[in-house]
Amino acid sequence: MRTLITACTLLAVATASTLLADEGSQDKHPIYSQTMKSLTGKKVALSEYKGKVLLIVNTASECGATPQYEPLEAMYEKLKDKGLVVAGFPCNQFAKQEPGTDEEIADFCKKNYGVSFDMYSKIDVNGDKAAPLYKFLTSGKTGLKDTGPVKWNFEKFLIGRDGKVIARFRTGTQPDSPEVLDAIDKALAQK
């Protein structure tokens, strides 16, 4: 009888531990639970962006879309005090258009476009080695109709103050287009 009670007690403890572990993993936000490395090598918890409107962009220095850095920077400068954060994630998966080191990328962005928004270390955005952040952003879990792999450099994902993915804009949509600016303005208006 004592053995049966001990076995039941151990089973109950193991079950409770498993349930608590599962609950904890469900509480992890797919964006805010991520920690990424900046171009300067600093680890940054994306939870620092809670309550902000976040525009996530995969970038490249040698792409026809590289001039999008300019309107991204202008938008960031104009709207950062209202709560907009732009986060650039260099990627070399598209025609190897981001071959540089983190230091070279940082120098290029600063010298050519005056980039002051947050830039991160080079990552993969597609495939088995894709950063978990991008595995989420490209999945059906976002609730967007436009899901699936990133097709090219300078795709943009807009995240609301509540951490929900609001919109995805493909490469051909300029950061300063009415479509993007309207979506950002609506997101900034939410408190």
C-alpha atoms as a PDB file:
ATOM      1  CA  MET A   1       0.000   0.000   0.000  1.00  0.00           C
ATOM      2  CA  ARG A   2       2.833   2.382   0.944  1.00  0.00           C
ATOM      3  CA  THR A   3       4.496   1.666  -2.401  1.00  0.00           C
ATOM      4  CA  LEU A   4       1.255   2.446  -4.232  1.00  0.00           C
ATOM      5  CA  ILE A   5       0.852   5.760  -2.353  1.00  0.00           C
ATOM      6  CA  THR A   6       4.469   6.703  -3.091  1.00  0.00           C
ATOM      7  CA  ALA A   7       4.053   5.824  -6.769  1.00  0.00           C
ATOM      8  CA  CYS A   8       0.832   7.879  -6.998  1.00  0.00           C
ATOM      9  CA  THR A   9       2.499  10.812  -5.243  1.00  0.00           C
ATOM     10  CA  LEU A  10       5.462  10.692  -7.635  1.00  0.00           C
ATOM     11  CA  LEU A  11       3.104  10.476 -10.612  1.00  0.00           C
ATOM     12  CA  ALA A  12       1.108  13.480  -9.362  1.00  0.00           C
ATOM     13  CA  VAL A  13       4.292  15.528  -8.846  1.00  0.00           C
ATOM     14  CA  ALA A  14       5.611  14.597 -12.303  1.00  0.00           C
ATOM     15  CA  THR A  15       2.278  15.450 -13.940  1.00  0.00           C
ATOM     16  CA  ALA A  16       2.090  18.820 -12.154  1.00  0.00           C
ATOM     17  CA  SER A  17       5.679  19.620 -13.156  1.00  0.00           C
ATOM     18  CA  THR A  18       4.928  18.783 -16.777  1.00  0.00           C
ATOM     19  CA  LEU A  19       1.784  20.922 -16.770  1.00  0.00           C
ATOM     20  CA  LEU A  20       3.649  23.848 -15.230  1.00  0.00           C
ATOM     21  CA  ALA A  21       6.456  23.505 -17.764  1.00  0.00           C
ATOM     22  CA  ASP A  22       3.913  23.449 -20.601  1.00  0.00           C
ATOM     23  CA  GLU A  23       2.141  26.506 -19.210  1.00  0.00           C
ATOM     24  CA  GLY A  24       5.444  28.366 -18.990  1.00  0.00           C
ATOM     25  CA  SER A  25       6.292  27.585 -22.602  1.00  0.00           C
ATOM     26  CA  GLN A  26       2.865  28.798 -23.726  1.00  0.00           C
ATOM     27  CA  ASP A  27       3.546  32.118 -21.983  1.00  0.00           C
ATOM     28  CA  LYS A  28       6.628  32.740 -24.106  1.00  0.00           C
ATOM     29  CA  HIS A  29       5.887  35.448 -26.634  1.00  0.00           C
ATOM     30  CA  PRO A  30       7.181  34.454 -30.096  1.00  0.00           C
ATOM     31  CA  ILE A  31       8.841  37.859 -30.570  1.00  0.00           C
ATOM     32  CA  TYR A  32       9.488  39.255 -27.101  1.00  0.00           C
ATOM     33  CA  SER A  33      11.008  36.011 -25.815  1.00  0.00           C
ATOM     34  CA  GLN A  34      13.832  36.299 -28.381  1.00  0.00           C
ATOM     35  CA  THR A  35      17.311  37.594 -27.620  1.00  0.00           C
ATOM     36  CA  MET A  36      19.310  38.744 -30.630  1.00  0.00           C
ATOM     37  CA  LYS A  37      22.876  39.965 -31.120  1.00  0.00           C
ATOM     38  CA  SER A  38      23.307  43.549 -32.307  1.00  0.00           C
ATOM     39  CA  LEU A  39      25.889  44.548 -34.923  1.00  0.00           C
ATOM     40  CA  THR A  40      28.087  45.718 -32.037  1.00  0.00           C
ATOM     41  CA  GLY A  41      27.915  42.276 -30.395  1.00  0.00           C
ATOM     42  CA  LYS A  42      25.531  43.253 -27.589  1.00  0.00           C
ATOM     43  CA  LYS A  43      22.793  40.775 -26.693  1.00  0.00           C
ATOM     44  CA  VAL A  44      19.418  42.499 -26.897  1.00  0.00           C
ATOM     45  CA  ALA A  45      16.207  41.080 -25.471  1.00  0.00           C
ATOM     46  CA  LEU A  46      13.431  41.919 -27.897  1.00  0.00           C
ATOM     47  CA  SER A  47      11.207  42.287 -24.834  1.00  0.00           C
ATOM     48  CA  GLU A  48      12.706  45.802 -24.696  1.00  0.00           C
ATOM     49  CA  TYR A  49      10.273  46.607 -27.534  1.00  0.00           C
ATOM     50  CA  LYS A  50       7.121  45.809 -25.536  1.00  0.00           C
ATOM     51  CA  GLY A  51       4.635  48.637 -25.871  1.00  0.00           C
ATOM     52  CA  LYS A  52       6.319  49.978 -29.014  1.00  0.00           C
ATOM     53  CA  VAL A  53       5.356  49.624 -32.661  1.00  0.00           C
ATOM     54  CA  LEU A  54       8.042  47.534 -34.293  1.00  0.00           C
ATOM     55  CA  LEU A  55       8.974  47.344 -37.970  1.00  0.00           C
ATOM     56  CA  ILE A  56      11.215  44.329 -38.611  1.00  0.00           C
ATOM     57  CA  VAL A  57      13.146  44.344 -41.912  1.00  0.00           C
ATOM     58  CA  ASN A  58      15.590  41.860 -43.438  1.00  0.00           C
ATOM     59  CA  THR A  59      18.312  43.955 -45.039  1.00  0.00           C
ATOM     60  CA  ALA A  60      21.236  43.693 -47.464  1.00  0.00           C
ATOM     61  CA  SER A  61      23.962  46.122 -48.526  1.00  0.00           C
ATOM     62  CA  GLU A  62      24.350  45.096 -52.184  1.00  0.00           C
ATOM     63  CA  CYS A  63      20.723  44.859 -53.310  1.00  0.00           C
ATOM     64  CA  GLY A  64      18.673  46.959 -55.690  1.00  0.00           C
ATOM     65  CA  ALA A  65      16.373  47.585 -52.711  1.00  0.00           C
ATOM     66  CA  THR A  66      19.235  48.799 -50.469  1.00  0.00           C
ATOM     67  CA  PRO A  67      18.169  52.456 -50.943  1.00  0.00           C
ATOM     68  CA  GLN A  68      15.157  51.572 -48.759  1.00  0.00           C
ATOM     69  CA  TYR A  69      17.502  52.279 -45.834  1.00  0.00           C
ATOM     70  CA  GLU A  70      16.953  55.990 -46.515  1.00  0.00           C
ATOM     71  CA  PRO A  71      13.156  56.102 -46.036  1.00  0.00           C
ATOM     72  CA  LEU A  72      13.430  53.612 -43.168  1.00  0.00           C
ATOM     73  CA  GLU A  73      15.831  55.956 -41.371  1.00  0.00           C
ATOM     74  CA  ALA A  74      13.691  59.036 -42.147  1.00  0.00           C
ATOM     75  CA  MET A  75      10.584  57.272 -40.842  1.00  0.00           C
ATOM     76  CA  TYR A  76      12.400  56.153 -37.720  1.00  0.00           C
ATOM     77  CA  GLU A  77      13.718  59.663 -36.998  1.00  0.00           C
ATOM     78  CA  LYS A  78      10.273  61.185 -37.513  1.00  0.00           C
ATOM     79  CA  LEU A  79       8.288  58.649 -35.468  1.00  0.00           C
ATOM     80  CA  LYS A  80      10.640  57.228 -32.822  1.00  0.00           C
ATOM     81  CA  ASP A  81       9.389  59.663 -30.167  1.00  0.00           C
ATOM     82  CA  LYS A  82       5.851  58.430 -30.851  1.00  0.00           C
ATOM     83  CA  GLY A  83       6.906  54.827 -30.218  1.00  0.00           C
ATOM     84  CA  LEU A  84       8.181  53.445 -33.542  1.00  0.00           C
ATOM     85  CA  VAL A  85      11.176  51.128 -33.525  1.00  0.00           C
ATOM     86  CA  VAL A  86      12.823  49.901 -36.725  1.00  0.00           C
ATOM     87  CA  ALA A  87      14.932  46.753 -36.426  1.00  0.00           C
ATOM     88  CA  GLY A  88      17.142  45.655 -39.318  1.00  0.00           C
ATOM     89  CA  PHE A  89      18.277  42.049 -39.671  1.00  0.00           C
ATOM     90  CA  PRO A  90      20.970  41.632 -42.352  1.00  0.00           C
ATOM     91  CA  CYS A  91      20.683  38.425 -44.361  1.00  0.00           C
ATOM     92  CA  ASN A  92      22.945  36.915 -47.017  1.00  0.00           C
ATOM     93  CA  GLN A  93      20.458  34.331 -48.326  1.00  0.00           C
ATOM     94  CA  PHE A  94      19.349  36.269 -51.407  1.00  0.00           C
ATOM     95  CA  ALA A  95      22.017  36.255 -54.149  1.00  0.00           C
ATOM     96  CA  LYS A  96      24.660  36.712 -51.416  1.00  0.00           C
ATOM     97  CA  GLN A  97      23.905  40.449 -51.296  1.00  0.00           C
ATOM     98  CA  GLU A  98      25.034  40.857 -47.676  1.00  0.00           C
ATOM     99  CA  PRO A  99      28.552  39.363 -47.659  1.00  0.00           C
ATOM    100  CA  GLY A 100      30.106  41.716 -45.083  1.00  0.00           C
ATOM    101  CA  THR A 101      30.992  41.239 -41.447  1.00  0.00           C
ATOM    102  CA  ASP A 102      28.934  42.905 -38.740  1.00  0.00           C
ATOM    103  CA  GLU A 103      31.488  45.734 -38.570  1.00  0.00           C
ATOM    104  CA  GLU A 104      31.420  46.223 -42.356  1.00  0.00           C
ATOM    105  CA  ILE A 105      27.606  46.251 -42.371  1.00  0.00           C
ATOM    106  CA  ALA A 106      27.499  48.817 -39.548  1.00  0.00           C
ATOM    107  CA  ASP A 107      30.039  51.051 -41.349  1.00  0.00           C
ATOM    108  CA  PHE A 108      28.161  50.786 -44.655  1.00  0.00           C
ATOM    109  CA  CYS A 109      24.792  51.648 -43.079  1.00  0.00           C
ATOM    110  CA  LYS A 110      26.146  54.598 -41.120  1.00  0.00           C
ATOM    111  CA  LYS A 111      28.314  56.045 -43.907  1.00  0.00           C
ATOM    112  CA  ASN A 112      25.831  55.651 -46.774  1.00  0.00           C
ATOM    113  CA  TYR A 113      22.453  56.079 -45.101  1.00  0.00           C
ATOM    114  CA  GLY A 114      23.075  57.488 -41.605  1.00  0.00           C
ATOM    115  CA  VAL A 115      21.263  54.515 -40.088  1.00  0.00           C
ATOM    116  CA  SER A 116      20.640  55.034 -36.391  1.00  0.00           C
ATOM    117  CA  PHE A 117      17.857  52.493 -35.916  1.00  0.00           C
ATOM    118  CA  ASP A 118      18.626  49.127 -34.330  1.00  0.00           C
ATOM    119  CA  MET A 119      20.625  46.782 -36.528  1.00  0.00           C
ATOM    120  CA  TYR A 120      21.360  43.185 -35.671  1.00  0.00           C
ATOM    121  CA  SER A 121      23.915  40.568 -36.565  1.00  0.00           C
ATOM    122  CA  LYS A 122      23.460  38.692 -39.822  1.00  0.00           C
ATOM    123  CA  ILE A 123      20.898  35.870 -39.689  1.00  0.00           C
ATOM    124  CA  ASP A 124      19.063  33.439 -41.938  1.00  0.00           C
ATOM    125  CA  VAL A 125      15.391  34.242 -42.500  1.00  0.00           C
ATOM    126  CA  ASN A 126      14.433  31.034 -44.349  1.00  0.00           C
ATOM    127  CA  GLY A 127      15.182  27.337 -44.055  1.00  0.00           C
ATOM    128  CA  ASP A 128      16.292  25.052 -41.263  1.00  0.00           C
ATOM    129  CA  LYS A 129      18.792  27.591 -39.924  1.00  0.00           C
ATOM    130  CA  ALA A 130      16.335  30.501 -39.916  1.00  0.00           C
ATOM    131  CA  ALA A 131      16.279  32.534 -36.723  1.00  0.00           C
ATOM    132  CA  PRO A 132      13.303  31.543 -34.534  1.00  0.00           C
ATOM    133  CA  LEU A 133      12.032  35.113 -34.886  1.00  0.00           C
ATOM    134  CA  TYR A 134      11.691  34.645 -38.641  1.00  0.00           C
ATOM    135  CA  LYS A 135      10.345  31.115 -38.319  1.00  0.00           C
ATOM    136  CA  PHE A 136       7.471  32.707 -36.432  1.00  0.00           C
ATOM    137  CA  LEU A 137       7.072  35.764 -38.681  1.00  0.00           C
ATOM    138  CA  THR A 138       6.763  33.610 -41.809  1.00  0.00           C
ATOM    139  CA  SER A 139       4.420  31.044 -40.231  1.00  0.00           C
ATOM    140  CA  GLY A 140       0.653  30.836 -40.154  1.00  0.00           C
ATOM    141  CA  LYS A 141       0.808  31.542 -36.405  1.00  0.00           C
ATOM    142  CA  THR A 142       0.923  35.282 -37.137  1.00  0.00           C
ATOM    143  CA  GLY A 143      -2.682  35.286 -38.278  1.00  0.00           C
ATOM    144  CA  LEU A 144      -1.743  37.007 -41.547  1.00  0.00           C
ATOM    145  CA  LYS A 145      -2.989  35.765 -44.911  1.00  0.00           C
ATOM    146  CA  ASP A 146       0.447  36.420 -46.465  1.00  0.00           C
ATOM    147  CA  THR A 147       2.642  33.709 -44.969  1.00  0.00           C
ATOM    148  CA  GLY A 148       5.521  31.585 -46.160  1.00  0.00           C
ATOM    149  CA  PRO A 149       9.186  32.197 -46.866  1.00  0.00           C
ATOM    150  CA  VAL A 150      10.737  35.606 -47.268  1.00  0.00           C
ATOM    151  CA  LYS A 151      11.167  36.084 -51.009  1.00  0.00           C
ATOM    152  CA  TRP A 152      13.811  38.830 -51.079  1.00  0.00           C
ATOM    153  CA  ASN A 153      15.642  41.505 -49.117  1.00  0.00           C
ATOM    154  CA  PHE A 154      13.763  44.351 -47.419  1.00  0.00           C
ATOM    155  CA  GLU A 155      10.555  42.544 -46.560  1.00  0.00           C
ATOM    156  CA  LYS A 156       8.885  44.356 -43.681  1.00  0.00           C
ATOM    157  CA  PHE A 157       6.823  42.996 -40.774  1.00  0.00           C
ATOM    158  CA  LEU A 158       4.805  45.427 -38.664  1.00  0.00           C
ATOM    159  CA  ILE A 159       4.224  44.496 -35.020  1.00  0.00           C
ATOM    160  CA  GLY A 160       1.703  46.381 -32.867  1.00  0.00           C
ATOM    161  CA  ARG A 161       2.195  47.692 -29.342  1.00  0.00           C
ATOM    162  CA  ASP A 162       0.472  44.531 -28.083  1.00  0.00           C
ATOM    163  CA  GLY A 163       3.038  42.293 -29.796  1.00  0.00           C
ATOM    164  CA  LYS A 164       0.713  41.044 -32.521  1.00  0.00           C
ATOM    165  CA  VAL A 165       1.844  40.955 -36.138  1.00  0.00           C
ATOM    166  CA  ILE A 166      -0.280  43.494 -37.999  1.00  0.00           C
ATOM    167  CA  ALA A 167       1.036  43.395 -41.557  1.00  0.00           C
ATOM    168  CA  ARG A 168       3.675  42.115 -43.923  1.00  0.00           C
ATOM    169  CA  PHE A 169       4.999  44.223 -46.771  1.00  0.00           C
ATOM    170  CA  ARG A 170       7.029  42.591 -49.517  1.00  0.00           C
ATOM    171  CA  THR A 171      10.172  44.111 -51.033  1.00  0.00           C
ATOM    172  CA  GLY A 172       8.381  46.098 -53.719  1.00  0.00           C
ATOM    173  CA  THR A 173       6.408  48.072 -51.127  1.00  0.00           C
ATOM    174  CA  GLN A 174       8.485  51.100 -50.215  1.00  0.00           C
ATOM    175  CA  PRO A 175       8.751  51.950 -46.496  1.00  0.00           C
ATOM    176  CA  ASP A 176       7.374  55.447 -47.154  1.00  0.00           C
ATOM    177  CA  SER A 177       4.421  54.247 -49.256  1.00  0.00           C
ATOM    178  CA  PRO A 178       0.957  55.319 -48.086  1.00  0.00           C
ATOM    179  CA  GLU A 179       0.136  51.668 -47.366  1.00  0.00           C
ATOM    180  CA  VAL A 180       3.005  51.309 -44.878  1.00  0.00           C
ATOM    181  CA  LEU A 181       2.693  54.788 -43.373  1.00  0.00           C
ATOM    182  CA  ASP A 182      -1.064  54.381 -42.808  1.00  0.00           C
ATOM    183  CA  ALA A 183      -0.549  51.022 -41.091  1.00  0.00           C
ATOM    184  CA  ILE A 184       2.178  52.505 -38.859  1.00  0.00           C
ATOM    185  CA  ASP A 185       0.049  55.546 -37.992  1.00  0.00           C
ATOM    186  CA  LYS A 186      -2.884  53.295 -37.002  1.00  0.00           C
ATOM    187  CA  ALA A 187      -0.574  51.118 -34.898  1.00  0.00           C
ATOM    188  CA  LEU A 188       0.954  54.158 -33.166  1.00  0.00           C
ATOM    189  CA  ALA A 189      -2.541  55.456 -32.354  1.00  0.00           C
ATOM    190  CA  GLN A 190      -3.289  52.287 -30.355  1.00  0.00           C
ATOM    191  CA  LYS A 191      -2.441  52.604 -26.680  1.00  0.00           C
END
